[in-house]
Amino acid sequence: MSRDGRLGVGVIGAGRVGPVIGAALGAAGHAVVGITSGSDDERASAVLPDVPVLDALEVVRRAELVVIAVPTDELPSLVAGIAEVGGWQVGQLVLHTDPAYGIDVLRPAAERGAIPLAVHPAITFTGTSIDVRQLQAAFAAVTAPAPVLPIAQALAVEMGCEPVVIAEKDRPAYADAIATATEFSRSIIGQSTARLREIGIENPGGYLSALVQSTVERALRDASDPPPLT
């Protein structure tokens, strides 16, 4: 880490998540030094203009903080593959954003002296600059070794999130809760809008917008209230 606490950030993963995380950290004063190519480089370049597109090993070579935002099934092999070719550096921060994993998936990097961090911002990413604003109202699940937990928490704050510590053993349950909330919401809204469209409502999403938002907000308030005394 540089003397002023600013880091050179490299992003592996140019989908909806990686560029946004890079942009949020860039807005906090860090320097984004490179990003890998992805499924939509044009969208990524709109979020991170003028950031060079590099291969993964070059991103790792240039960065003091490597942000990995790739699909769940690609994460273990990516981390192990970079380790096999000697890519990870001693003292380098390696942070992934996947809800399903804690830091054990980063063991190949940690064994080569890197510092493993897991930070999952709890929002649905669109891959646009809108997400940077959404992060300001979000929480982030943070898992890290105890000595470096403050670093992970500080990075979550710099992304705009409020950090919440999740134990390594609890990451599967956390991931299940996130998936349930996301997939169930999409499924129910999809069913409801389809029924409204069948009866001639031309903009069923707009029609349900206020109802769904107010219902969800009420449910979240109820869930946040302390349980009744027995």
C-alpha atoms as a PDB file:
ATOM      1  CA  MET A   1       0.000   0.000   0.000  1.00  0.00           C
ATOM      2  CA  SER A   2       1.274   3.454  -0.847  1.00  0.00           C
ATOM      3  CA  ARG A   3       2.020   5.962   1.888  1.00  0.00           C
ATOM      4  CA  ASP A   4      -1.194   7.891   1.387  1.00  0.00           C
ATOM      5  CA  GLY A   5      -3.281   4.707   1.416  1.00  0.00           C
ATOM      6  CA  ARG A   6      -4.137   4.916  -2.278  1.00  0.00           C
ATOM      7  CA  LEU A   7      -3.839   1.689  -4.240  1.00  0.00           C
ATOM      8  CA  GLY A   8      -3.350   0.648  -7.822  1.00  0.00           C
ATOM      9  CA  VAL A   9      -6.495  -1.380  -8.526  1.00  0.00           C
ATOM     10  CA  GLY A  10      -6.709  -4.073 -11.178  1.00  0.00           C
ATOM     11  CA  VAL A  11     -10.048  -5.634 -12.136  1.00  0.00           C
ATOM     12  CA  ILE A  12     -10.432  -9.185 -13.417  1.00  0.00           C
ATOM     13  CA  GLY A  13     -13.928  -9.504 -14.830  1.00  0.00           C
ATOM     14  CA  ALA A  14     -15.599  -6.985 -17.118  1.00  0.00           C
ATOM     15  CA  GLY A  15     -19.197  -8.049 -16.628  1.00  0.00           C
ATOM     16  CA  ARG A  16     -21.746  -6.079 -14.630  1.00  0.00           C
ATOM     17  CA  VAL A  17     -19.861  -6.084 -11.321  1.00  0.00           C
ATOM     18  CA  GLY A  18     -16.143  -5.554 -11.922  1.00  0.00           C
ATOM     19  CA  PRO A  19     -16.220  -2.206 -13.732  1.00  0.00           C
ATOM     20  CA  VAL A  20     -18.631  -0.752 -11.167  1.00  0.00           C
ATOM     21  CA  ILE A  21     -16.456  -1.809  -8.241  1.00  0.00           C
ATOM     22  CA  GLY A  22     -13.460  -0.326 -10.044  1.00  0.00           C
ATOM     23  CA  ALA A  23     -15.332   2.927 -10.620  1.00  0.00           C
ATOM     24  CA  ALA A  24     -16.401   3.130  -6.973  1.00  0.00           C
ATOM     25  CA  LEU A  25     -12.840   2.602  -5.764  1.00  0.00           C
ATOM     26  CA  GLY A  26     -11.608   5.090  -8.346  1.00  0.00           C
ATOM     27  CA  ALA A  27     -14.048   7.652  -7.004  1.00  0.00           C
ATOM     28  CA  ALA A  28     -12.563   7.016  -3.545  1.00  0.00           C
ATOM     29  CA  GLY A  29      -9.156   8.061  -4.845  1.00  0.00           C
ATOM     30  CA  HIS A  30      -7.582   4.784  -5.915  1.00  0.00           C
ATOM     31  CA  ALA A  31      -6.052   4.409  -9.382  1.00  0.00           C
ATOM     32  CA  VAL A  32      -7.583   1.760 -11.652  1.00  0.00           C
ATOM     33  CA  VAL A  33      -4.584   0.407 -13.561  1.00  0.00           C
ATOM     34  CA  GLY A  34      -6.252  -2.172 -15.781  1.00  0.00           C
ATOM     35  CA  ILE A  35      -9.231  -4.418 -16.493  1.00  0.00           C
ATOM     36  CA  THR A  36      -9.599  -7.659 -18.390  1.00  0.00           C
ATOM     37  CA  SER A  37     -11.774  -7.989 -21.483  1.00  0.00           C
ATOM     38  CA  GLY A  38     -15.308  -9.293 -21.019  1.00  0.00           C
ATOM     39  CA  SER A  39     -18.664  -9.900 -22.616  1.00  0.00           C
ATOM     40  CA  ASP A  40     -19.423  -6.200 -23.071  1.00  0.00           C
ATOM     41  CA  ASP A  41     -16.240  -4.140 -23.318  1.00  0.00           C
ATOM     42  CA  GLU A  42     -18.174  -1.117 -24.565  1.00  0.00           C
ATOM     43  CA  ARG A  43     -20.270  -1.006 -21.405  1.00  0.00           C
ATOM     44  CA  ALA A  44     -17.196  -1.542 -19.251  1.00  0.00           C
ATOM     45  CA  SER A  45     -15.343   1.294 -20.971  1.00  0.00           C
ATOM     46  CA  ALA A  46     -18.319   3.591 -20.375  1.00  0.00           C
ATOM     47  CA  VAL A  47     -18.010   2.937 -16.632  1.00  0.00           C
ATOM     48  CA  LEU A  48     -14.191   2.946 -16.617  1.00  0.00           C
ATOM     49  CA  PRO A  49     -13.108   5.241 -19.452  1.00  0.00           C
ATOM     50  CA  ASP A  50      -9.418   5.306 -20.393  1.00  0.00           C
ATOM     51  CA  VAL A  51      -8.580   2.255 -18.275  1.00  0.00           C
ATOM     52  CA  PRO A  52      -6.347  -0.111 -20.286  1.00  0.00           C
ATOM     53  CA  VAL A  53      -7.704  -3.536 -21.230  1.00  0.00           C
ATOM     54  CA  LEU A  54      -5.106  -6.155 -20.274  1.00  0.00           C
ATOM     55  CA  ASP A  55      -4.848  -9.896 -19.837  1.00  0.00           C
ATOM     56  CA  ALA A  56      -5.353 -11.247 -16.324  1.00  0.00           C
ATOM     57  CA  LEU A  57      -1.674 -11.804 -15.574  1.00  0.00           C
ATOM     58  CA  GLU A  58      -0.782  -8.255 -16.565  1.00  0.00           C
ATOM     59  CA  VAL A  59      -3.597  -6.905 -14.391  1.00  0.00           C
ATOM     60  CA  VAL A  60      -2.179  -8.873 -11.467  1.00  0.00           C
ATOM     61  CA  ARG A  61       1.354  -7.709 -12.207  1.00  0.00           C
ATOM     62  CA  ARG A  62       0.377  -4.021 -12.164  1.00  0.00           C
ATOM     63  CA  ALA A  63      -2.044  -3.995  -9.231  1.00  0.00           C
ATOM     64  CA  GLU A  64      -1.635  -3.643  -5.480  1.00  0.00           C
ATOM     65  CA  LEU A  65      -5.327  -4.574  -5.103  1.00  0.00           C
ATOM     66  CA  VAL A  66      -6.813  -7.145  -7.475  1.00  0.00           C
ATOM     67  CA  VAL A  67     -10.618  -7.202  -7.635  1.00  0.00           C
ATOM     68  CA  ILE A  68     -11.960 -10.490  -9.019  1.00  0.00           C
ATOM     69  CA  ALA A  69     -15.545 -10.336 -10.272  1.00  0.00           C
ATOM     70  CA  VAL A  70     -16.139 -13.448 -12.345  1.00  0.00           C
ATOM     71  CA  PRO A  71     -18.929 -16.075 -12.360  1.00  0.00           C
ATOM     72  CA  THR A  72     -19.025 -18.371  -9.352  1.00  0.00           C
ATOM     73  CA  ASP A  73     -17.965 -21.475 -11.263  1.00  0.00           C
ATOM     74  CA  GLU A  74     -14.924 -19.709 -12.741  1.00  0.00           C
ATOM     75  CA  LEU A  75     -13.496 -18.274  -9.533  1.00  0.00           C
ATOM     76  CA  PRO A  76     -11.637 -21.300  -8.085  1.00  0.00           C
ATOM     77  CA  SER A  77      -9.885 -22.223 -11.333  1.00  0.00           C
ATOM     78  CA  LEU A  78      -8.952 -18.607 -12.059  1.00  0.00           C
ATOM     79  CA  VAL A  79      -7.293 -18.116  -8.672  1.00  0.00           C
ATOM     80  CA  ALA A  80      -5.497 -21.457  -8.886  1.00  0.00           C
ATOM     81  CA  GLY A  81      -4.392 -20.859 -12.465  1.00  0.00           C
ATOM     82  CA  ILE A  82      -2.774 -17.520 -11.649  1.00  0.00           C
ATOM     83  CA  ALA A  83      -1.035 -19.160  -8.700  1.00  0.00           C
ATOM     84  CA  GLU A  84       0.344 -21.944 -10.891  1.00  0.00           C
ATOM     85  CA  VAL A  85       2.136 -19.464 -13.146  1.00  0.00           C
ATOM     86  CA  GLY A  86       3.464 -17.428 -10.214  1.00  0.00           C
ATOM     87  CA  GLY A  87       1.230 -14.417 -10.728  1.00  0.00           C
ATOM     88  CA  TRP A  88       0.265 -13.526  -7.164  1.00  0.00           C
ATOM     89  CA  GLN A  89       2.588 -11.211  -5.269  1.00  0.00           C
ATOM     90  CA  VAL A  90       3.560 -11.089  -1.599  1.00  0.00           C
ATOM     91  CA  GLY A  91       1.515  -8.446   0.221  1.00  0.00           C
ATOM     92  CA  GLN A  92      -0.889  -7.965  -2.676  1.00  0.00           C
ATOM     93  CA  LEU A  93      -4.561  -7.551  -1.742  1.00  0.00           C
ATOM     94  CA  VAL A  94      -6.828 -10.006  -3.578  1.00  0.00           C
ATOM     95  CA  LEU A  95     -10.550  -9.320  -3.214  1.00  0.00           C
ATOM     96  CA  HIS A  96     -13.395 -11.269  -4.765  1.00  0.00           C
ATOM     97  CA  THR A  97     -17.047 -10.191  -4.874  1.00  0.00           C
ATOM     98  CA  ASP A  98     -18.847 -13.543  -5.008  1.00  0.00           C
ATOM     99  CA  PRO A  99     -21.512 -14.128  -2.326  1.00  0.00           C
ATOM    100  CA  ALA A 100     -21.004 -17.894  -2.285  1.00  0.00           C
ATOM    101  CA  TYR A 101     -17.360 -17.938  -1.213  1.00  0.00           C
ATOM    102  CA  GLY A 102     -15.395 -16.660   1.732  1.00  0.00           C
ATOM    103  CA  ILE A 103     -11.628 -16.509   1.663  1.00  0.00           C
ATOM    104  CA  ASP A 104     -10.854 -20.225   1.376  1.00  0.00           C
ATOM    105  CA  VAL A 105     -11.298 -20.004  -2.406  1.00  0.00           C
ATOM    106  CA  LEU A 106      -8.366 -17.548  -2.392  1.00  0.00           C
ATOM    107  CA  ARG A 107      -6.062 -20.018  -0.605  1.00  0.00           C
ATOM    108  CA  PRO A 108      -3.790 -20.493  -3.680  1.00  0.00           C
ATOM    109  CA  ALA A 109      -3.126 -16.744  -3.682  1.00  0.00           C
ATOM    110  CA  ALA A 110      -2.697 -16.595   0.106  1.00  0.00           C
ATOM    111  CA  GLU A 111      -0.182 -19.442   0.006  1.00  0.00           C
ATOM    112  CA  ARG A 112       1.965 -17.236  -2.218  1.00  0.00           C
ATOM    113  CA  GLY A 113       1.824 -14.297   0.158  1.00  0.00           C
ATOM    114  CA  ALA A 114      -1.243 -12.419  -1.068  1.00  0.00           C
ATOM    115  CA  ILE A 115      -3.862 -11.102   1.368  1.00  0.00           C
ATOM    116  CA  PRO A 116      -7.310 -12.688   0.803  1.00  0.00           C
ATOM    117  CA  LEU A 117     -10.478 -10.602   1.151  1.00  0.00           C
ATOM    118  CA  ALA A 118     -14.118 -11.360   0.286  1.00  0.00           C
ATOM    119  CA  VAL A 119     -16.489  -8.408  -0.118  1.00  0.00           C
ATOM    120  CA  HIS A 120     -19.955  -8.845  -1.626  1.00  0.00           C
ATOM    121  CA  PRO A 121     -22.026  -5.664  -2.090  1.00  0.00           C
ATOM    122  CA  ALA A 122     -25.667  -6.653  -1.689  1.00  0.00           C
ATOM    123  CA  ILE A 123     -27.211  -5.029  -4.745  1.00  0.00           C
ATOM    124  CA  THR A 124     -28.358  -6.259  -8.137  1.00  0.00           C
ATOM    125  CA  PHE A 125     -25.826  -4.830 -10.569  1.00  0.00           C
ATOM    126  CA  THR A 126     -26.830  -3.379 -13.935  1.00  0.00           C
ATOM    127  CA  GLY A 127     -23.252  -2.738 -15.026  1.00  0.00           C
ATOM    128  CA  THR A 128     -23.794   1.002 -15.386  1.00  0.00           C
ATOM    129  CA  SER A 129     -22.817   4.080 -13.412  1.00  0.00           C
ATOM    130  CA  ILE A 130     -26.240   3.934 -11.720  1.00  0.00           C
ATOM    131  CA  ASP A 131     -24.828   1.118  -9.597  1.00  0.00           C
ATOM    132  CA  VAL A 132     -22.186   3.400  -8.099  1.00  0.00           C
ATOM    133  CA  ARG A 133     -25.010   5.468  -6.587  1.00  0.00           C
ATOM    134  CA  GLN A 134     -26.879   2.344  -5.444  1.00  0.00           C
ATOM    135  CA  LEU A 135     -23.810   1.231  -3.525  1.00  0.00           C
ATOM    136  CA  GLN A 136     -24.203   4.296  -1.302  1.00  0.00           C
ATOM    137  CA  ALA A 137     -27.315   2.738   0.246  1.00  0.00           C
ATOM    138  CA  ALA A 138     -26.092  -0.859   0.330  1.00  0.00           C
ATOM    139  CA  PHE A 139     -24.549  -3.245   2.806  1.00  0.00           C
ATOM    140  CA  ALA A 140     -21.611  -5.487   1.964  1.00  0.00           C
ATOM    141  CA  ALA A 141     -20.779  -8.925   3.350  1.00  0.00           C
ATOM    142  CA  VAL A 142     -17.143  -8.954   4.449  1.00  0.00           C
ATOM    143  CA  THR A 143     -15.008 -12.011   5.211  1.00  0.00           C
ATOM    144  CA  ALA A 144     -11.264 -11.802   5.880  1.00  0.00           C
ATOM    145  CA  PRO A 145      -8.574 -13.091   8.250  1.00  0.00           C
ATOM    146  CA  ALA A 146      -8.863 -11.273  11.580  1.00  0.00           C
ATOM    147  CA  PRO A 147      -5.613  -9.266  11.242  1.00  0.00           C
ATOM    148  CA  VAL A 148      -6.717  -7.748   7.918  1.00  0.00           C
ATOM    149  CA  LEU A 149     -10.458  -7.530   8.539  1.00  0.00           C
ATOM    150  CA  PRO A 150     -10.204  -3.735   8.990  1.00  0.00           C
ATOM    151  CA  ILE A 151      -8.745  -3.480   5.484  1.00  0.00           C
ATOM    152  CA  ALA A 152     -11.695  -5.366   3.994  1.00  0.00           C
ATOM    153  CA  GLN A 153     -14.135  -3.237   5.967  1.00  0.00           C
ATOM    154  CA  ALA A 154     -12.410  -0.038   4.859  1.00  0.00           C
ATOM    155  CA  LEU A 155     -12.577  -1.088   1.209  1.00  0.00           C
ATOM    156  CA  ALA A 156     -16.301  -1.829   1.566  1.00  0.00           C
ATOM    157  CA  VAL A 157     -16.800   1.649   3.012  1.00  0.00           C
ATOM    158  CA  GLU A 158     -14.822   3.166   0.144  1.00  0.00           C
ATOM    159  CA  MET A 159     -17.132   1.377  -2.289  1.00  0.00           C
ATOM    160  CA  GLY A 160     -19.946   3.222  -0.512  1.00  0.00           C
ATOM    161  CA  CYS A 161     -21.288   0.287   1.493  1.00  0.00           C
ATOM    162  CA  GLU A 162     -21.807  -0.441   5.162  1.00  0.00           C
ATOM    163  CA  PRO A 163     -19.734  -3.545   5.949  1.00  0.00           C
ATOM    164  CA  VAL A 164     -21.227  -6.513   7.788  1.00  0.00           C
ATOM    165  CA  VAL A 165     -18.863  -9.283   8.866  1.00  0.00           C
ATOM    166  CA  ILE A 166     -19.882 -12.791   7.742  1.00  0.00           C
ATOM    167  CA  ALA A 167     -17.973 -15.790   9.102  1.00  0.00           C
ATOM    168  CA  GLU A 168     -16.375 -18.181   6.629  1.00  0.00           C
ATOM    169  CA  LYS A 169     -18.649 -21.017   7.750  1.00  0.00           C
ATOM    170  CA  ASP A 170     -21.736 -18.860   7.174  1.00  0.00           C
ATOM    171  CA  ARG A 171     -21.013 -17.889   3.564  1.00  0.00           C
ATOM    172  CA  PRO A 172     -23.104 -20.755   2.061  1.00  0.00           C
ATOM    173  CA  ALA A 173     -26.143 -19.730   4.123  1.00  0.00           C
ATOM    174  CA  TYR A 174     -25.534 -16.095   3.201  1.00  0.00           C
ATOM    175  CA  ALA A 175     -25.358 -16.958  -0.494  1.00  0.00           C
ATOM    176  CA  ASP A 176     -28.586 -18.959  -0.233  1.00  0.00           C
ATOM    177  CA  ALA A 177     -30.379 -16.012   1.380  1.00  0.00           C
ATOM    178  CA  ILE A 178     -29.180 -13.646  -1.353  1.00  0.00           C
ATOM    179  CA  ALA A 179     -30.189 -16.048  -4.125  1.00  0.00           C
ATOM    180  CA  THR A 180     -33.615 -16.649  -2.579  1.00  0.00           C
ATOM    181  CA  ALA A 181     -34.388 -12.939  -2.281  1.00  0.00           C
ATOM    182  CA  THR A 182     -33.183 -12.179  -5.810  1.00  0.00           C
ATOM    183  CA  GLU A 183     -34.663 -15.118  -7.702  1.00  0.00           C
ATOM    184  CA  PHE A 184     -37.978 -15.174  -5.827  1.00  0.00           C
ATOM    185  CA  SER A 185     -38.523 -11.453  -6.400  1.00  0.00           C
ATOM    186  CA  ARG A 186     -37.863 -11.767 -10.123  1.00  0.00           C
ATOM    187  CA  SER A 187     -40.073 -14.836 -10.435  1.00  0.00           C
ATOM    188  CA  ILE A 188     -43.070 -13.358  -8.624  1.00  0.00           C
ATOM    189  CA  ILE A 189     -42.883 -10.061 -10.507  1.00  0.00           C
ATOM    190  CA  GLY A 190     -42.562 -11.952 -13.787  1.00  0.00           C
ATOM    191  CA  GLN A 191     -45.691 -13.986 -13.027  1.00  0.00           C
ATOM    192  CA  SER A 192     -47.698 -10.940 -11.943  1.00  0.00           C
ATOM    193  CA  THR A 193     -46.777  -8.772 -14.919  1.00  0.00           C
ATOM    194  CA  ALA A 194     -47.588 -11.643 -17.298  1.00  0.00           C
ATOM    195  CA  ARG A 195     -51.087 -11.960 -15.828  1.00  0.00           C
ATOM    196  CA  LEU A 196     -51.688  -8.218 -16.100  1.00  0.00           C
ATOM    197  CA  ARG A 197     -50.476  -8.212 -19.697  1.00  0.00           C
ATOM    198  CA  GLU A 198     -52.924 -11.018 -20.478  1.00  0.00           C
ATOM    199  CA  ILE A 199     -55.846  -8.814 -19.422  1.00  0.00           C
ATOM    200  CA  GLY A 200     -54.701  -5.879 -21.526  1.00  0.00           C
ATOM    201  CA  ILE A 201     -52.568  -3.724 -19.226  1.00  0.00           C
ATOM    202  CA  GLU A 202     -49.897  -2.386 -21.576  1.00  0.00           C
ATOM    203  CA  ASN A 203     -47.314  -1.362 -18.981  1.00  0.00           C
ATOM    204  CA  PRO A 204     -47.651  -3.983 -16.225  1.00  0.00           C
ATOM    205  CA  GLY A 205     -44.234  -3.200 -14.775  1.00  0.00           C
ATOM    206  CA  GLY A 206     -45.119   0.448 -14.344  1.00  0.00           C
ATOM    207  CA  TYR A 207     -48.529  -0.464 -12.983  1.00  0.00           C
ATOM    208  CA  LEU A 208     -47.005  -2.626 -10.239  1.00  0.00           C
ATOM    209  CA  SER A 209     -44.048  -0.377  -9.481  1.00  0.00           C
ATOM    210  CA  ALA A 210     -45.491   1.593  -6.569  1.00  0.00           C
ATOM    211  CA  LEU A 211     -47.299  -1.453  -5.164  1.00  0.00           C
ATOM    212  CA  VAL A 212     -44.220  -3.688  -5.225  1.00  0.00           C
ATOM    213  CA  GLN A 213     -41.882  -1.049  -3.841  1.00  0.00           C
ATOM    214  CA  SER A 214     -44.202  -0.114  -0.989  1.00  0.00           C
ATOM    215  CA  THR A 215     -44.886  -3.781  -0.173  1.00  0.00           C
ATOM    216  CA  VAL A 216     -41.194  -4.659  -0.150  1.00  0.00           C
ATOM    217  CA  GLU A 217     -40.337  -1.624   1.966  1.00  0.00           C
ATOM    218  CA  ARG A 218     -43.052  -2.578   4.479  1.00  0.00           C
ATOM    219  CA  ALA A 219     -41.813  -6.181   4.603  1.00  0.00           C
ATOM    220  CA  LEU A 220     -38.233  -5.032   5.130  1.00  0.00           C
ATOM    221  CA  ARG A 221     -39.295  -2.680   7.926  1.00  0.00           C
ATOM    222  CA  ASP A 222     -41.211  -5.498   9.601  1.00  0.00           C
ATOM    223  CA  ALA A 223     -38.219  -7.810   9.268  1.00  0.00           C
ATOM    224  CA  SER A 224     -35.959  -5.175  10.818  1.00  0.00           C
ATOM    225  CA  ASP A 225     -38.156  -4.603  13.854  1.00  0.00           C
ATOM    226  CA  PRO A 226     -37.019  -6.371  17.040  1.00  0.00           C
ATOM    227  CA  PRO A 227     -38.891  -9.610  17.738  1.00  0.00           C
ATOM    228  CA  PRO A 228     -41.755  -9.345  20.247  1.00  0.00           C
ATOM    229  CA  LEU A 229     -41.022 -10.234  23.820  1.00  0.00           C
ATOM    230  CA  THR A 230     -42.366 -13.583  24.912  1.00  0.00           C
END
